[in-house]
Amino acid sequence: MIFGKGVATASAGGAVLVLAACGGGGAARDDPGRGGVAPMPTAATAAESGQSLETIGKGYWVFQRKCSECHVAKLPADPHQAGWHATVAGMSWNAGLMKSEETALLAYIGAVKP
């Protein structure tokens, strides 16, 4: 098996199998409500949210890397909904997140879903 930038290839009986990471494309990749890539934090996002870019950047990393280990990482429709923080706390515990990672994750979600 050979791995390259987001691509793995394998040969099986003369046939070549190519697997591309993050396949799909189109609107689903840009729409986290449909399981696509979440918006990257920017200085403008940080300023609007009142959070530091470093904090929401860490939250973005946690969202992209840790949340998707167990399920499709989707931004909540309403992160201010009653019970949402308790849900994140439970999933954070299951994922083995440090408290600082959970805090950054909540800051990221709040920044991109005000």
N, C-alpha and C. Protein backbone atom coordinates (compact mmCIF):
# COMPACT_ATOMS: atom_id res chain seq x y z
N MET A 1 0.85 -1.17 0.00
CA MET A 1 0.00 0.00 0.00
C MET A 1 0.89 1.23 0.00
N ILE A 2 0.62 2.18 -0.83
CA ILE A 2 1.41 3.40 -0.95
C ILE A 2 0.52 4.57 -0.56
N PHE A 3 1.03 5.42 0.32
CA PHE A 3 0.25 6.57 0.75
C PHE A 3 0.89 7.84 0.22
N GLY A 4 0.07 8.70 -0.31
CA GLY A 4 0.51 10.01 -0.77
C GLY A 4 -0.45 11.03 -0.21
N LYS A 5 -0.30 12.21 -0.52
CA LYS A 5 -1.08 13.32 -0.01
C LYS A 5 -2.59 13.03 -0.10
N GLY A 6 -3.15 12.40 0.94
CA GLY A 6 -4.58 12.13 0.99
C GLY A 6 -5.03 10.98 0.11
N VAL A 7 -4.11 10.21 -0.45
CA VAL A 7 -4.48 9.12 -1.35
C VAL A 7 -3.73 7.86 -0.96
N ALA A 8 -4.45 6.75 -0.96
CA ALA A 8 -3.81 5.46 -0.73
C ALA A 8 -4.10 4.58 -1.92
N THR A 9 -3.09 3.85 -2.38
CA THR A 9 -3.30 2.93 -3.50
C THR A 9 -2.88 1.54 -3.06
N ALA A 10 -3.53 0.54 -3.59
CA ALA A 10 -3.17 -0.85 -3.30
C ALA A 10 -3.38 -1.66 -4.56
N SER A 11 -2.56 -2.66 -4.72
CA SER A 11 -2.67 -3.54 -5.87
C SER A 11 -3.19 -4.88 -5.40
N ALA A 12 -4.23 -5.37 -6.04
CA ALA A 12 -4.81 -6.66 -5.67
C ALA A 12 -5.06 -7.44 -6.95
N GLY A 13 -4.23 -8.45 -7.21
CA GLY A 13 -4.42 -9.28 -8.40
C GLY A 13 -4.32 -8.51 -9.69
N GLY A 14 -3.44 -7.55 -9.77
CA GLY A 14 -3.25 -6.79 -11.00
C GLY A 14 -4.14 -5.55 -11.09
N ALA A 15 -5.17 -5.48 -10.28
CA ALA A 15 -6.05 -4.31 -10.29
C ALA A 15 -5.52 -3.30 -9.29
N VAL A 16 -5.71 -2.05 -9.58
CA VAL A 16 -5.26 -1.00 -8.68
C VAL A 16 -6.48 -0.35 -8.05
N LEU A 17 -6.45 -0.24 -6.74
CA LEU A 17 -7.52 0.38 -5.98
C LEU A 17 -7.00 1.71 -5.47
N VAL A 18 -7.73 2.77 -5.70
CA VAL A 18 -7.33 4.09 -5.24
C VAL A 18 -8.38 4.60 -4.28
N LEU A 19 -7.94 4.99 -3.09
CA LEU A 19 -8.82 5.54 -2.08
C LEU A 19 -8.40 6.97 -1.81
N ALA A 20 -9.31 7.90 -1.98
CA ALA A 20 -9.00 9.30 -1.73
C ALA A 20 -9.66 9.73 -0.43
N ALA A 21 -8.89 10.42 0.40
CA ALA A 21 -9.44 10.93 1.66
C ALA A 21 -10.40 12.07 1.37
N CYS A 22 -11.42 12.17 2.19
CA CYS A 22 -12.40 13.26 2.10
C CYS A 22 -13.02 13.31 0.72
N GLY A 23 -13.45 12.22 0.20
CA GLY A 23 -14.09 12.18 -1.12
C GLY A 23 -15.41 12.92 -1.10
N GLY A 24 -16.09 12.89 -2.19
CA GLY A 24 -17.38 13.57 -2.28
C GLY A 24 -17.23 14.83 -3.08
N GLY A 25 -17.04 15.92 -2.39
CA GLY A 25 -16.89 17.20 -3.06
C GLY A 25 -18.21 17.92 -3.15
N GLY A 26 -18.23 19.01 -3.84
CA GLY A 26 -19.46 19.76 -4.01
C GLY A 26 -19.91 20.39 -2.70
N ALA A 27 -21.19 20.68 -2.61
CA ALA A 27 -21.74 21.40 -1.47
C ALA A 27 -21.56 20.65 -0.16
N ALA A 28 -21.62 19.33 -0.18
CA ALA A 28 -21.52 18.58 1.07
C ALA A 28 -20.18 18.82 1.77
N ARG A 29 -19.10 19.04 1.01
CA ARG A 29 -17.80 19.28 1.63
C ARG A 29 -17.77 20.60 2.38
N ASP A 30 -18.54 21.56 1.94
CA ASP A 30 -18.51 22.89 2.54
C ASP A 30 -19.63 23.11 3.53
N ASP A 31 -20.51 22.14 3.71
CA ASP A 31 -21.66 22.30 4.58
C ASP A 31 -21.55 21.34 5.75
N PRO A 32 -21.06 21.83 6.91
CA PRO A 32 -20.89 20.93 8.04
C PRO A 32 -22.20 20.35 8.53
N GLY A 33 -23.32 20.96 8.21
CA GLY A 33 -24.62 20.40 8.57
C GLY A 33 -24.89 19.11 7.83
N ARG A 34 -24.18 18.91 6.71
CA ARG A 34 -24.32 17.68 5.92
C ARG A 34 -23.10 16.80 6.07
N GLY A 35 -22.29 17.06 7.07
CA GLY A 35 -21.13 16.21 7.33
C GLY A 35 -19.89 16.64 6.59
N GLY A 36 -19.90 17.84 6.01
CA GLY A 36 -18.74 18.31 5.26
C GLY A 36 -17.73 18.99 6.16
N VAL A 37 -16.80 19.66 5.54
CA VAL A 37 -15.73 20.33 6.26
C VAL A 37 -16.27 21.56 6.96
N ALA A 38 -15.94 21.71 8.21
CA ALA A 38 -16.37 22.86 9.00
C ALA A 38 -15.58 24.10 8.57
N PRO A 39 -16.17 25.27 8.73
CA PRO A 39 -15.46 26.49 8.33
C PRO A 39 -14.21 26.71 9.18
N MET A 40 -13.14 27.09 8.49
CA MET A 40 -11.89 27.39 9.19
C MET A 40 -12.04 28.71 9.95
N PRO A 41 -11.48 28.78 11.14
CA PRO A 41 -11.55 30.03 11.89
C PRO A 41 -10.67 31.10 11.24
N THR A 42 -11.14 32.31 11.30
CA THR A 42 -10.40 33.45 10.76
C THR A 42 -10.28 34.53 11.83
N ALA A 43 -9.47 35.53 11.56
CA ALA A 43 -9.36 36.65 12.48
C ALA A 43 -10.71 37.34 12.64
N ALA A 44 -11.47 37.43 11.55
CA ALA A 44 -12.79 38.05 11.61
C ALA A 44 -13.74 37.24 12.49
N THR A 45 -13.70 35.92 12.34
CA THR A 45 -14.54 35.05 13.17
C THR A 45 -14.18 35.23 14.64
N ALA A 46 -12.89 35.29 14.92
CA ALA A 46 -12.43 35.47 16.30
C ALA A 46 -12.91 36.81 16.85
N ALA A 47 -12.75 37.86 16.08
CA ALA A 47 -13.16 39.19 16.53
C ALA A 47 -14.66 39.25 16.79
N GLU A 48 -15.44 38.67 15.89
CA GLU A 48 -16.90 38.68 16.05
C GLU A 48 -17.35 37.88 17.26
N SER A 49 -16.64 36.82 17.58
CA SER A 49 -17.04 35.94 18.68
C SER A 49 -16.49 36.40 20.03
N GLY A 50 -15.45 37.25 20.00
CA GLY A 50 -14.82 37.67 21.24
C GLY A 50 -13.84 36.63 21.79
N GLN A 51 -13.56 35.60 20.99
CA GLN A 51 -12.60 34.56 21.38
C GLN A 51 -11.29 34.80 20.63
N SER A 52 -10.21 34.28 21.18
CA SER A 52 -8.93 34.44 20.48
C SER A 52 -8.89 33.47 19.29
N LEU A 53 -8.15 33.87 18.27
CA LEU A 53 -7.97 33.01 17.11
C LEU A 53 -7.28 31.71 17.51
N GLU A 54 -6.37 31.79 18.47
CA GLU A 54 -5.68 30.59 18.96
C GLU A 54 -6.68 29.60 19.57
N THR A 55 -7.61 30.11 20.37
CA THR A 55 -8.59 29.24 21.03
C THR A 55 -9.52 28.59 20.02
N ILE A 56 -10.08 29.39 19.10
CA ILE A 56 -11.02 28.78 18.14
C ILE A 56 -10.26 27.91 17.12
N GLY A 57 -9.00 28.22 16.89
CA GLY A 57 -8.18 27.36 16.03
C GLY A 57 -7.97 25.99 16.67
N LYS A 58 -7.73 25.98 17.97
CA LYS A 58 -7.59 24.71 18.69
C LYS A 58 -8.92 23.95 18.67
N GLY A 59 -10.03 24.68 18.84
CA GLY A 59 -11.35 24.05 18.79
C GLY A 59 -11.65 23.47 17.42
N TYR A 60 -11.22 24.16 16.38
CA TYR A 60 -11.38 23.66 15.01
C TYR A 60 -10.62 22.35 14.84
N TRP A 61 -9.39 22.32 15.35
CA TRP A 61 -8.59 21.09 15.26
C TRP A 61 -9.29 19.94 15.97
N VAL A 62 -9.79 20.20 17.18
CA VAL A 62 -10.49 19.16 17.94
C VAL A 62 -11.71 18.69 17.15
N PHE A 63 -12.48 19.63 16.60
CA PHE A 63 -13.68 19.28 15.84
C PHE A 63 -13.32 18.40 14.65
N GLN A 64 -12.32 18.80 13.90
CA GLN A 64 -11.93 18.06 12.69
C GLN A 64 -11.31 16.70 13.01
N ARG A 65 -10.50 16.63 14.03
CA ARG A 65 -9.73 15.41 14.29
C ARG A 65 -10.38 14.47 15.30
N LYS A 66 -10.94 15.01 16.35
CA LYS A 66 -11.43 14.17 17.43
C LYS A 66 -12.90 13.78 17.26
N CYS A 67 -13.74 14.72 16.89
CA CYS A 67 -15.18 14.42 16.78
C CYS A 67 -15.43 13.34 15.72
N SER A 68 -14.69 13.41 14.64
CA SER A 68 -14.90 12.47 13.54
C SER A 68 -14.33 11.08 13.81
N GLU A 69 -13.62 10.90 14.92
CA GLU A 69 -13.15 9.57 15.27
C GLU A 69 -14.31 8.64 15.62
N CYS A 70 -15.39 9.21 16.14
CA CYS A 70 -16.53 8.40 16.57
C CYS A 70 -17.75 8.52 15.66
N HIS A 71 -17.90 9.65 15.00
CA HIS A 71 -19.09 9.88 14.18
C HIS A 71 -18.82 10.98 13.17
N VAL A 72 -19.76 11.19 12.27
CA VAL A 72 -19.63 12.29 11.32
C VAL A 72 -19.68 13.58 12.13
N ALA A 73 -18.67 14.39 11.98
CA ALA A 73 -18.60 15.65 12.72
C ALA A 73 -19.52 16.66 12.05
N LYS A 74 -20.60 16.98 12.74
CA LYS A 74 -21.56 17.94 12.23
C LYS A 74 -21.75 19.04 13.26
N LEU A 75 -21.78 20.27 12.77
CA LEU A 75 -22.06 21.38 13.68
C LEU A 75 -23.52 21.30 14.11
N PRO A 76 -23.81 21.65 15.34
CA PRO A 76 -25.21 21.61 15.80
C PRO A 76 -26.02 22.70 15.11
N ALA A 77 -27.29 22.42 14.89
CA ALA A 77 -28.17 23.43 14.29
C ALA A 77 -28.29 24.63 15.23
N ASP A 78 -28.35 24.37 16.54
CA ASP A 78 -28.47 25.44 17.52
C ASP A 78 -27.62 25.10 18.74
N PRO A 79 -26.38 25.60 18.79
CA PRO A 79 -25.51 25.26 19.91
C PRO A 79 -25.97 25.87 21.24
N HIS A 80 -26.98 26.72 21.20
CA HIS A 80 -27.48 27.34 22.43
C HIS A 80 -28.68 26.57 22.99
N GLN A 81 -29.04 25.51 22.32
CA GLN A 81 -30.16 24.66 22.74
C GLN A 81 -29.86 24.06 24.11
N ALA A 82 -30.89 23.99 24.93
CA ALA A 82 -30.73 23.42 26.27
C ALA A 82 -30.19 22.00 26.15
N GLY A 83 -29.21 21.69 26.96
CA GLY A 83 -28.67 20.35 26.98
C GLY A 83 -27.48 20.12 26.05
N TRP A 84 -27.22 21.06 25.12
CA TRP A 84 -26.13 20.85 24.18
C TRP A 84 -24.78 20.77 24.88
N HIS A 85 -24.53 21.66 25.85
CA HIS A 85 -23.25 21.64 26.54
C HIS A 85 -23.05 20.32 27.30
N ALA A 86 -24.12 19.78 27.87
CA ALA A 86 -24.02 18.49 28.56
C ALA A 86 -23.70 17.37 27.56
N THR A 87 -24.25 17.46 26.36
CA THR A 87 -23.98 16.47 25.32
C THR A 87 -22.50 16.53 24.93
N VAL A 88 -21.98 17.74 24.73
CA VAL A 88 -20.57 17.89 24.38
C VAL A 88 -19.69 17.37 25.51
N ALA A 89 -20.07 17.65 26.75
CA ALA A 89 -19.28 17.17 27.88
C ALA A 89 -19.21 15.64 27.89
N GLY A 90 -20.32 14.99 27.62
CA GLY A 90 -20.34 13.52 27.57
C GLY A 90 -19.49 12.97 26.44
N MET A 91 -19.61 13.58 25.26
CA MET A 91 -18.82 13.12 24.12
C MET A 91 -17.34 13.42 24.34
N SER A 92 -17.04 14.54 24.99
CA SER A 92 -15.64 14.89 25.28
C SER A 92 -15.03 13.85 26.21
N TRP A 93 -15.78 13.43 27.20
CA TRP A 93 -15.29 12.41 28.12
C TRP A 93 -15.04 11.11 27.36
N ASN A 94 -15.99 10.71 26.50
CA ASN A 94 -15.83 9.49 25.71
C ASN A 94 -14.60 9.55 24.82
N ALA A 95 -14.30 10.73 24.29
CA ALA A 95 -13.17 10.91 23.37
C ALA A 95 -11.85 11.11 24.10
N GLY A 96 -11.91 11.25 25.42
CA GLY A 96 -10.69 11.46 26.20
C GLY A 96 -10.10 12.85 26.04
N LEU A 97 -10.97 13.83 25.76
CA LEU A 97 -10.48 15.20 25.61
C LEU A 97 -10.09 15.79 26.95
N MET A 98 -9.07 16.64 26.93
CA MET A 98 -8.72 17.42 28.10
C MET A 98 -9.75 18.54 28.22
N LYS A 99 -9.90 19.08 29.41
CA LYS A 99 -10.86 20.16 29.63
C LYS A 99 -10.56 21.35 28.71
N SER A 100 -9.29 21.65 28.48
CA SER A 100 -8.92 22.77 27.61
C SER A 100 -9.37 22.51 26.17
N GLU A 101 -9.33 21.24 25.73
CA GLU A 101 -9.80 20.91 24.38
C GLU A 101 -11.31 21.05 24.28
N GLU A 102 -12.01 20.62 25.31
CA GLU A 102 -13.48 20.76 25.33
C GLU A 102 -13.87 22.24 25.31
N THR A 103 -13.18 23.04 26.10
CA THR A 103 -13.45 24.48 26.16
C THR A 103 -13.20 25.13 24.80
N ALA A 104 -12.09 24.76 24.16
CA ALA A 104 -11.77 25.30 22.84
C ALA A 104 -12.80 24.85 21.80
N LEU A 105 -13.24 23.60 21.90
CA LEU A 105 -14.26 23.08 20.98
C LEU A 105 -15.55 23.89 21.11
N LEU A 106 -16.00 24.12 22.33
CA LEU A 106 -17.21 24.92 22.54
C LEU A 106 -17.03 26.35 22.03
N ALA A 107 -15.83 26.90 22.23
CA ALA A 107 -15.57 28.26 21.72
C ALA A 107 -15.63 28.28 20.20
N TYR A 108 -15.07 27.26 19.55
CA TYR A 108 -15.12 27.18 18.09
C TYR A 108 -16.56 27.08 17.59
N ILE A 109 -17.32 26.16 18.18
CA ILE A 109 -18.71 25.98 17.75
C ILE A 109 -19.49 27.27 17.94
N GLY A 110 -19.30 27.91 19.08
CA GLY A 110 -20.00 29.18 19.33
C GLY A 110 -19.58 30.28 18.36
N ALA A 111 -18.33 30.24 17.92
CA ALA A 111 -17.83 31.28 17.00
C ALA A 111 -18.38 31.10 15.59
N VAL A 112 -18.53 29.86 15.14
CA VAL A 112 -18.98 29.65 13.77
C VAL A 112 -20.49 29.43 13.67
N LYS A 113 -21.15 29.21 14.79
CA LYS A 113 -22.60 29.04 14.84
C LYS A 113 -23.18 29.96 15.90
N PRO A 114 -23.04 31.30 15.72
CA PRO A 114 -23.50 32.24 16.76
C PRO A 114 -25.00 32.23 16.95
